[in-house]
Protein backbone atom coordinates (compact mmCIF):
# COMPACT_ATOMS: atom_id res chain seq x y z
CA UNK A 1 -0.20 29.71 -46.90
CA UNK A 2 -0.97 26.14 -47.86
CA UNK A 3 -1.27 23.65 -45.01
CA UNK A 4 0.01 20.12 -45.40
CA UNK A 5 -1.94 16.98 -44.56
CA UNK A 6 -0.42 16.43 -41.10
CA UNK A 7 -1.33 19.97 -40.04
CA UNK A 8 -4.95 19.47 -41.12
CA UNK A 9 -5.06 16.22 -39.14
CA UNK A 10 -3.78 17.98 -36.01
CA UNK A 11 -6.35 20.77 -36.42
CA UNK A 12 -9.15 18.23 -36.86
CA UNK A 13 -8.03 16.32 -33.77
CA UNK A 14 -7.92 19.51 -31.68
CA UNK A 15 -11.39 20.58 -32.82
CA UNK A 16 -12.80 17.10 -32.27
CA UNK A 17 -11.23 16.88 -28.82
CA UNK A 18 -12.66 20.28 -27.84
CA UNK A 19 -16.14 19.28 -29.04
CA UNK A 20 -15.93 15.98 -27.13
CA UNK A 21 -14.74 17.76 -23.98
CA UNK A 22 -17.61 20.26 -23.95
CA UNK A 23 -20.11 17.50 -24.75
CA UNK A 24 -18.87 15.47 -21.79
CA UNK A 25 -19.17 18.52 -19.53
CA UNK A 26 -22.83 18.80 -20.49
CA UNK A 27 -23.44 15.05 -20.01
CA UNK A 28 -21.67 14.20 -16.76
CA UNK A 29 -24.21 11.49 -15.87
CA UNK A 30 -23.51 9.71 -19.12
CA UNK A 31 -19.79 10.15 -18.50
CA UNK A 32 -20.12 8.48 -15.10
CA UNK A 33 -22.05 5.57 -16.62
CA UNK A 34 -19.46 5.22 -19.36
CA UNK A 35 -16.56 5.24 -16.90
CA UNK A 36 -18.33 2.66 -14.72
CA UNK A 37 -18.84 0.39 -17.73
CA UNK A 38 -15.20 0.75 -18.76
CA UNK A 39 -14.07 0.02 -15.20
CA UNK A 40 -16.22 -3.12 -15.00
CA UNK A 41 -14.66 -4.36 -18.24
CA UNK A 42 -11.08 -3.57 -17.24
CA UNK A 43 -11.31 -4.56 -13.57
CA UNK A 44 -10.52 -8.30 -14.06
CA UNK A 45 -7.40 -7.42 -16.04
CA UNK A 46 -6.32 -4.74 -13.55
CA UNK A 47 -6.83 -7.27 -10.76
CA UNK A 48 -4.84 -9.85 -12.71
CA UNK A 49 -2.00 -7.39 -13.26
CA UNK A 50 -1.89 -6.53 -9.54
CA UNK A 51 -1.90 -10.21 -8.57
CA UNK A 52 0.84 -10.91 -11.11
CA UNK A 53 2.95 -8.10 -9.69
CA UNK A 54 2.52 -9.41 -6.13
CA UNK A 55 3.01 -13.09 -7.02
CA UNK A 56 6.07 -12.25 -9.10
CA UNK A 57 8.01 -11.18 -5.99
CA UNK A 58 8.06 -14.62 -4.25
CA UNK A 59 8.12 -16.46 -7.58
CA UNK A 60 11.23 -14.59 -8.68
CA UNK A 61 12.89 -15.34 -5.34
CA UNK A 62 12.01 -19.06 -5.57
CA UNK A 63 13.14 -19.28 -9.17
CA UNK A 64 16.43 -17.56 -8.40
CA UNK A 65 17.39 -19.40 -5.22
CA UNK A 66 15.71 -22.82 -5.40
CA UNK A 67 15.96 -23.58 -9.11
CA UNK A 68 19.15 -21.80 -10.12
CA UNK A 69 20.53 -23.83 -13.01
CA UNK A 70 17.90 -26.54 -12.42
CA UNK A 71 14.54 -27.56 -13.75
CA UNK A 72 14.94 -26.51 -17.36
CA UNK A 73 11.53 -25.82 -18.85
CA UNK A 74 9.84 -26.84 -15.61
CA UNK A 75 11.64 -24.14 -13.66
CA UNK A 76 8.98 -21.46 -14.19
CA UNK A 77 5.89 -23.70 -13.69
CA UNK A 78 7.37 -25.22 -10.52
CA UNK A 79 8.20 -21.78 -9.14
CA UNK A 80 4.67 -20.60 -9.91
CA UNK A 81 3.12 -23.67 -8.24
CA UNK A 82 5.25 -23.16 -5.12
CA UNK A 83 4.17 -19.51 -5.04
CA UNK A 84 0.51 -20.54 -5.15
CA UNK A 85 1.13 -23.08 -2.38
CA UNK A 86 2.73 -20.33 -0.28
CA UNK A 87 -0.22 -17.97 -0.84
CA UNK A 88 -2.75 -20.71 -0.04
CA UNK A 89 -0.79 -21.59 3.12
CA UNK A 90 -1.01 -17.97 4.28
CA UNK A 91 -4.75 -17.88 3.55
CA UNK A 92 -5.21 -21.18 5.41
CA UNK A 93 -3.24 -19.83 8.37
CA UNK A 94 -5.45 -16.78 8.54
CA UNK A 95 -8.63 -18.81 8.11
CA UNK A 96 -7.80 -21.60 10.55
CA UNK A 97 -5.98 -19.75 13.33
CA UNK A 98 -6.91 -16.08 13.19
CA UNK A 99 -10.53 -15.99 12.06
CA UNK A 100 -11.82 -18.29 14.86
CA UNK A 101 -9.81 -16.31 17.40
CA UNK A 102 -11.18 -13.05 16.02
CA UNK A 103 -14.75 -14.37 16.14
CA UNK A 104 -14.18 -15.63 19.69
CA UNK A 105 -12.77 -12.25 20.70
CA UNK A 106 -15.72 -10.31 19.30
CA UNK A 107 -18.29 -12.69 20.81
CA UNK A 108 -16.54 -12.55 24.19
CA UNK A 109 -16.47 -8.76 24.12
CA UNK A 110 -20.16 -8.56 23.22
CA UNK A 111 -21.14 -11.16 25.84
CA UNK A 112 -19.14 -9.57 28.63
CA UNK A 113 -19.82 -5.95 27.70
CA UNK A 114 -22.07 -5.25 30.76
CA UNK A 115 -19.39 -6.71 33.07
CA UNK A 116 -16.68 -4.63 31.41
CA UNK A 117 -18.77 -1.50 31.76
CA UNK A 118 -19.40 -2.27 35.43
CA UNK A 119 -15.66 -2.73 36.02
CA UNK A 120 -15.01 0.52 34.20
CA UNK A 121 -17.53 2.30 36.40
CA UNK A 122 -15.97 0.82 39.56
CA UNK A 123 -12.53 1.93 38.40
CA UNK A 124 -13.72 5.44 37.57
CA UNK A 125 -15.85 5.89 40.72
CA UNK A 126 -13.00 7.17 42.97
CA UNK A 127 -12.13 9.77 40.36
CA UNK A 128 -15.77 10.74 39.92
CA UNK A 129 -16.09 11.25 43.68
CA UNK A 130 -13.46 13.96 43.38
CA UNK A 131 -15.44 15.62 40.57
CA UNK A 132 -19.08 15.81 41.77
CA UNK A 133 -20.11 18.05 38.87
CA UNK A 134 -19.00 15.45 36.33
CA UNK A 135 -20.70 12.65 38.27
CA UNK A 136 -23.94 14.62 38.39
CA UNK A 137 -23.78 15.22 34.64
CA UNK A 138 -23.17 11.52 33.95
CA UNK A 139 -26.12 10.56 36.13
CA UNK A 140 -28.37 12.83 34.09
CA UNK A 141 -27.53 10.76 31.02
CA UNK A 142 -29.32 7.74 32.56
CA UNK A 143 -27.94 5.18 30.10
CA UNK A 144 -29.85 1.89 30.10
CA UNK A 145 -27.25 -0.57 28.84
CA UNK A 146 -29.71 -3.45 28.53
CA UNK A 147 -31.93 -1.32 26.34
CA UNK A 148 -28.91 -0.22 24.32
CA UNK A 149 -27.83 -3.83 23.72
CA UNK A 150 -31.39 -4.73 22.71
CA UNK A 151 -31.43 -1.88 20.21
CA UNK A 152 -28.13 -3.04 18.73
CA UNK A 153 -29.45 -6.61 18.40
CA UNK A 154 -32.64 -5.30 16.80
CA UNK A 155 -30.61 -3.20 14.37
CA UNK A 156 -28.54 -6.24 13.36
CA UNK A 157 -31.67 -8.35 12.89
CA UNK A 158 -33.34 -5.68 10.75
CA UNK A 159 -30.17 -5.35 8.73
CA UNK A 160 -30.13 -9.11 8.18
CA UNK A 161 -33.76 -9.02 7.07
CA UNK A 162 -33.02 -6.25 4.59
CA UNK A 163 -30.04 -8.21 3.36
CA UNK A 164 -32.17 -11.29 2.79
CA UNK A 165 -34.76 -9.22 0.97
CA UNK A 166 -32.10 -8.20 -1.54
CA UNK A 167 -30.63 -11.69 -1.89
CA UNK A 168 -30.83 -11.54 -5.67
CA UNK A 169 -28.65 -8.44 -5.81
CA UNK A 170 -26.18 -9.92 -3.36
CA UNK A 171 -25.99 -13.17 -5.33
CA UNK A 172 -25.43 -11.22 -8.54
CA UNK A 173 -22.61 -9.24 -6.95
CA UNK A 174 -21.00 -12.42 -5.62
CA UNK A 175 -21.19 -14.13 -9.01
CA UNK A 176 -19.77 -11.04 -10.71
CA UNK A 177 -16.94 -10.81 -8.18
CA UNK A 178 -16.08 -14.51 -8.50
CA UNK A 179 -16.13 -14.24 -12.30
CA UNK A 180 -13.85 -11.20 -12.22
CA UNK A 181 -11.47 -13.00 -9.87
CA UNK A 182 -11.35 -16.11 -12.09
CA UNK A 183 -10.65 -14.02 -15.20
CA UNK A 184 -8.05 -12.01 -13.32
CA UNK A 185 -6.37 -15.15 -12.00
CA UNK A 186 -6.20 -16.67 -15.50
CA UNK A 187 -4.69 -13.41 -16.75
CA UNK A 188 -2.19 -13.59 -13.87
CA UNK A 189 -1.15 -17.10 -14.92
CA UNK A 190 -0.55 -15.98 -18.51
CA UNK A 191 1.49 -12.97 -17.39
CA UNK A 192 3.72 -14.91 -15.00
CA UNK A 193 4.26 -18.07 -17.04
CA UNK A 194 5.13 -16.19 -20.24
CA UNK A 195 6.34 -12.82 -18.96
CA UNK A 196 9.61 -12.76 -20.96
CA UNK A 197 7.80 -13.40 -24.25
CA UNK A 198 5.11 -10.82 -23.48
CA UNK A 199 7.76 -8.30 -22.45
CA UNK A 200 9.65 -8.85 -25.71
CA UNK A 201 6.44 -8.35 -27.71
CA UNK A 202 5.64 -5.11 -25.87
CA UNK A 203 9.17 -3.81 -26.41
CA UNK A 204 8.90 -4.66 -30.10
CA UNK A 205 5.63 -2.74 -30.45
CA UNK A 206 7.03 0.29 -28.65
CA UNK A 207 10.20 0.22 -30.73
CA UNK A 208 8.15 -0.03 -33.94
CA UNK A 209 5.80 2.89 -33.22
CA UNK A 210 7.99 5.24 -31.16
CA UNK A 211 11.17 7.14 -31.95
CA UNK A 212 14.23 5.44 -30.52
CA UNK A 213 14.86 8.21 -27.98
CA UNK A 214 11.30 8.07 -26.63
CA UNK A 215 11.45 4.27 -26.55
CA UNK A 216 14.59 4.33 -24.43
CA UNK A 217 13.11 6.96 -22.12
CA UNK A 218 9.89 4.98 -21.67
CA UNK A 219 11.83 1.76 -21.10
CA UNK A 220 14.01 3.42 -18.47
CA UNK A 221 10.92 4.86 -16.75
CA UNK A 222 9.24 1.45 -16.74
CA UNK A 223 12.28 -0.21 -15.20
CA UNK A 224 12.50 2.50 -12.55
CA UNK A 225 8.80 2.12 -11.69
CA UNK A 226 9.05 -1.67 -11.49
CA UNK A 227 12.13 -1.47 -9.28
CA UNK A 228 10.61 1.15 -6.97
CA UNK A 229 7.30 -0.62 -6.48
CA UNK A 230 8.90 -4.06 -6.13
CA UNK A 231 11.31 -2.87 -3.46
CA UNK A 232 8.59 -0.95 -1.64
CA UNK A 233 6.14 -3.88 -1.54
CA UNK A 234 8.77 -6.46 -0.58
CA UNK A 235 10.18 -4.12 2.07
CA UNK A 236 6.75 -3.43 3.57
CA UNK A 237 5.88 -7.14 3.69
CA UNK A 238 9.22 -8.03 5.28
CA UNK A 239 8.79 -5.27 7.85
CA UNK A 240 5.26 -6.48 8.65
CA UNK A 241 6.57 -10.01 9.25
CA UNK A 242 9.33 -8.74 11.54
CA UNK A 243 6.91 -6.56 13.52
CA UNK A 244 4.46 -9.47 13.86
CA UNK A 245 7.16 -11.78 15.21
CA UNK A 246 8.42 -9.15 17.68
CA UNK A 247 4.94 -8.46 19.07
CA UNK A 248 4.10 -12.16 19.25
CA UNK A 249 7.25 -12.99 21.22
CA UNK A 250 6.97 -10.02 23.60
CA UNK A 251 3.23 -10.38 24.26
CA UNK A 252 3.50 -14.15 24.72
CA UNK A 253 6.34 -13.75 27.23
CA UNK A 254 4.32 -11.05 29.02
CA UNK A 255 1.30 -13.35 29.32
CA UNK A 256 -1.09 -11.08 27.41
CA UNK A 257 -4.42 -12.40 26.17
CA UNK A 258 -4.94 -12.71 22.41
CA UNK A 259 -1.19 -12.35 21.76
CA UNK A 260 -1.37 -13.91 18.29
CA UNK A 261 -4.36 -11.82 17.21
CA UNK A 262 -2.85 -8.55 18.43
CA UNK A 263 0.55 -9.37 16.89
CA UNK A 264 -1.03 -10.05 13.49
CA UNK A 265 -3.09 -6.86 13.76
CA UNK A 266 0.04 -4.83 14.51
CA UNK A 267 1.93 -6.46 11.64
CA UNK A 268 -0.94 -5.90 9.22
CA UNK A 269 -1.45 -2.24 10.13
CA UNK A 270 2.31 -1.58 10.04
CA UNK A 271 2.01 -1.89 6.25
CA UNK A 272 0.10 1.41 6.27
CA UNK A 273 2.71 4.20 6.57
CA UNK A 274 2.63 6.62 9.52
CA UNK A 275 -0.93 5.97 10.74
CA UNK A 276 -0.99 2.16 10.67
CA UNK A 277 0.81 1.52 13.95
CA UNK A 278 -1.36 3.97 15.99
CA UNK A 279 -4.49 2.28 14.60
CA UNK A 280 -3.15 -1.14 15.61
CA UNK A 281 -2.26 0.15 19.08
CA UNK A 282 -5.79 1.52 19.59
CA UNK A 283 -7.40 -1.77 18.53
CA UNK A 284 -5.05 -3.82 20.70
CA UNK A 285 -5.63 -1.49 23.65
CA UNK A 286 -9.39 -1.85 23.31
CA UNK A 287 -9.15 -5.66 23.29
CA UNK A 288 -6.85 -5.74 26.31
CA UNK A 289 -8.83 -3.11 28.20
CA UNK A 290 -11.92 -5.27 27.96
CA UNK A 291 -10.15 -8.54 28.79
CA UNK A 292 -7.27 -7.71 31.16
CA UNK A 293 -7.99 -4.32 32.68
CA UNK A 294 -6.55 -0.83 32.69
CA UNK A 295 -3.03 -1.37 34.03
CA UNK A 296 -2.22 -4.25 31.68
CA UNK A 297 -3.37 -2.01 28.85
CA UNK A 298 -0.97 0.69 30.05
CA UNK A 299 1.85 -1.87 30.02
CA UNK A 300 0.84 -2.84 26.48
CA UNK A 301 0.97 0.80 25.35
CA UNK A 302 4.45 1.15 26.86
CA UNK A 303 5.51 -1.98 24.96
CA UNK A 304 4.03 -0.50 21.76
CA UNK A 305 6.00 2.71 22.29
CA UNK A 306 9.29 0.84 22.81
CA UNK A 307 8.77 -1.45 19.81
CA UNK A 308 7.75 1.52 17.68
CA UNK A 309 11.01 3.29 18.54
CA UNK A 310 12.99 0.18 17.60
CA UNK A 311 10.98 -0.28 14.42
CA UNK A 312 11.17 3.36 13.38
CA UNK A 313 14.88 3.86 14.09
CA UNK A 314 16.37 0.44 13.29
CA UNK A 315 14.05 -1.77 11.25
CA UNK A 316 12.25 0.60 8.86
CA UNK A 317 15.32 2.59 7.72
CA UNK A 318 17.20 -0.61 6.89
CA UNK A 319 14.35 -2.66 5.45
CA UNK A 320 12.17 -0.08 3.68
CA UNK A 321 13.88 3.31 3.85
CA UNK A 322 16.91 2.42 1.76
CA UNK A 323 14.78 0.60 -0.82
CA UNK A 324 12.39 3.52 -1.38
CA UNK A 325 15.09 6.20 -1.35
CA UNK A 326 12.67 8.96 -0.30
CA UNK A 327 13.35 11.48 2.50
CA UNK A 328 10.97 11.47 5.46
CA UNK A 329 9.39 14.83 4.58
CA UNK A 330 8.42 13.56 1.12
CA UNK A 331 7.07 10.35 2.63
CA UNK A 332 4.78 12.55 4.75
CA UNK A 333 3.71 14.53 1.67
CA UNK A 334 3.09 11.32 -0.31
CA UNK A 335 1.01 9.82 2.49
CA UNK A 336 -1.03 13.02 2.91
CA UNK A 337 -1.72 13.47 -0.81
CA UNK A 338 -2.37 9.78 -1.46
CA UNK A 339 -4.60 9.43 1.59
CA UNK A 340 -6.60 12.50 0.63
CA UNK A 341 -7.16 11.24 -2.92
CA UNK A 342 -7.62 7.49 -2.49
CA UNK A 343 -7.50 6.57 1.19
CA UNK A 344 -5.24 3.76 2.39
CA UNK A 345 -4.54 2.48 -1.11
CA UNK A 346 -3.51 5.98 -2.13
CA UNK A 347 -1.00 6.08 0.74
CA UNK A 348 0.58 2.83 -0.40
CA UNK A 349 0.56 3.83 -4.08
CA UNK A 350 1.89 7.37 -3.76
CA UNK A 351 5.04 6.60 -1.76
CA UNK A 352 6.79 4.70 -4.60
CA UNK A 353 5.25 7.15 -7.09
CA UNK A 354 6.85 10.07 -5.26
CA UNK A 355 10.07 8.06 -5.12
CA UNK A 356 10.03 7.73 -8.92
CA UNK A 357 9.40 11.46 -9.40
CA UNK A 358 12.08 12.26 -6.82
CA UNK A 359 14.70 10.16 -8.61
CA UNK A 360 13.76 11.56 -12.03
CA UNK A 361 14.04 15.15 -10.76
CA UNK A 362 17.41 14.32 -9.20
CA UNK A 363 18.71 12.89 -12.44
CA UNK A 364 17.50 15.85 -14.49
CA UNK A 365 18.81 18.40 -11.96
CA UNK A 366 22.23 16.78 -11.82
CA UNK A 367 22.38 16.60 -15.62
CA UNK A 368 21.57 20.31 -15.91
CA UNK A 369 24.11 21.20 -13.21
CA UNK A 370 26.78 19.15 -14.94
CA UNK A 371 26.16 21.00 -18.21
CA UNK A 372 26.61 24.30 -16.35
CA UNK A 373 29.81 23.10 -14.72
CA UNK A 374 28.24 23.12 -11.23
CA UNK A 375 28.03 20.56 -8.47
CA UNK A 376 24.99 20.19 -6.20
CA UNK A 377 24.86 21.00 -2.47
CA UNK A 378 22.12 18.39 -1.92
CA UNK A 379 23.63 15.79 0.40
CA UNK A 380 21.71 12.79 -0.87
CA UNK A 381 22.49 13.15 -4.56
CA UNK A 382 24.29 9.94 -5.48
CA UNK A 383 26.75 11.69 -7.76
CA UNK A 384 27.50 14.66 -5.52
CA UNK A 385 31.14 15.32 -4.65
CA UNK A 386 31.18 18.88 -3.31
CA UNK A 387 29.28 20.59 -0.49
CA UNK A 388 29.00 24.10 -1.98
CA UNK A 389 28.03 25.67 -5.27
CA UNK A 390 31.06 26.56 -7.29
CA UNK A 391 32.32 26.65 -10.80
CA UNK A 392 34.39 23.72 -11.84
CA UNK A 393 37.90 24.77 -12.73
CA UNK A 394 38.58 24.18 -16.42
CA UNK A 395 41.09 21.51 -17.19
CA UNK A 396 44.50 22.64 -18.35
CA UNK A 397 44.70 22.45 -22.12
CA UNK A 398 47.94 22.14 -24.05
CA UNK A 399 48.99 25.29 -25.89
CA UNK A 400 47.98 25.46 -29.55
CA UNK A 401 50.68 24.43 -32.01
CA UNK A 402 52.78 27.15 -33.59
CA UNK A 403 51.40 27.82 -37.05
CA UNK A 404 54.72 29.10 -38.23
CA UNK A 405 56.46 25.86 -37.38
């Protein structure tokens, strides 16, 4: 049997791919170096794409609501400039208000650590008197706090000395990071200021090199991914702002120390699904335990519990839940898988990814059921009309015409 040219090309590609695969298995060190080099080359553009995606959310809102039917050619540049002003204002807010307060909090905690420990011992002494075995065990530890603080200070000083000794490497990393950021920011500007033209060019290339059916499928998948990630990011940011405002108002009315810092911490960690709020509560509790005592910390934890119930049952379902369109059990699976693979960023990335897969499976399942004349029992299918599996009754057809007529 004679093989045509395309078949020979496929065979050659398969053989070449197999040889390359086994060669890479035997040269994993070289593979790691190669991947690191590719990552260093692509990182500025990946960073620029991420920044463009994030900046596009407020820019699109500004362009739609502030410059609707106005501005002409200046509409896009003005929207982009206002977006940059907004981002810089947020950075300035964090740098001017929060960073000094955070530094003051840390320095105060370090300076007053012996006093806090003494207060903690005085608070725990009545309970230790009731448990003499535990008190005896703690006394055997013989912790010298002054020596411990001295060791910590010595460790920090030695670390600083080691850091200064490698100043050249640090400077190189800083220059490389700044260069990558500048290149990424320039790439972001190009993407945002000319996104329609770039999108049209990409669509033209895909249409030229792909069959029409695959082009439409890929275009639909891209739109679904963009919609899912945009809604997820905007919903998470809006929820974080709402949570921050709620904590700031409640803690300020309650007279808690560091109300602004704790509120921003709670809002920031609320972006992380499932585990973010507990982390914020622990950090806030530690700050308040050192500055205001045990019972005020208990009150703070009660406030956290109440706000968490309000946020979980009222705010999140309306702000984020409807936009993602993913059941709670799959959110848990997405967070677990994403966190295990890539940490916090994996958690944030996998929720909309699971949402995309979930919607695609729903579409395909409903299409297959429709072809079989069945309806789905799944309650959250958007096109579902029945609650049980059953065959659809065939429509009445008119009798065939009489051939003898």
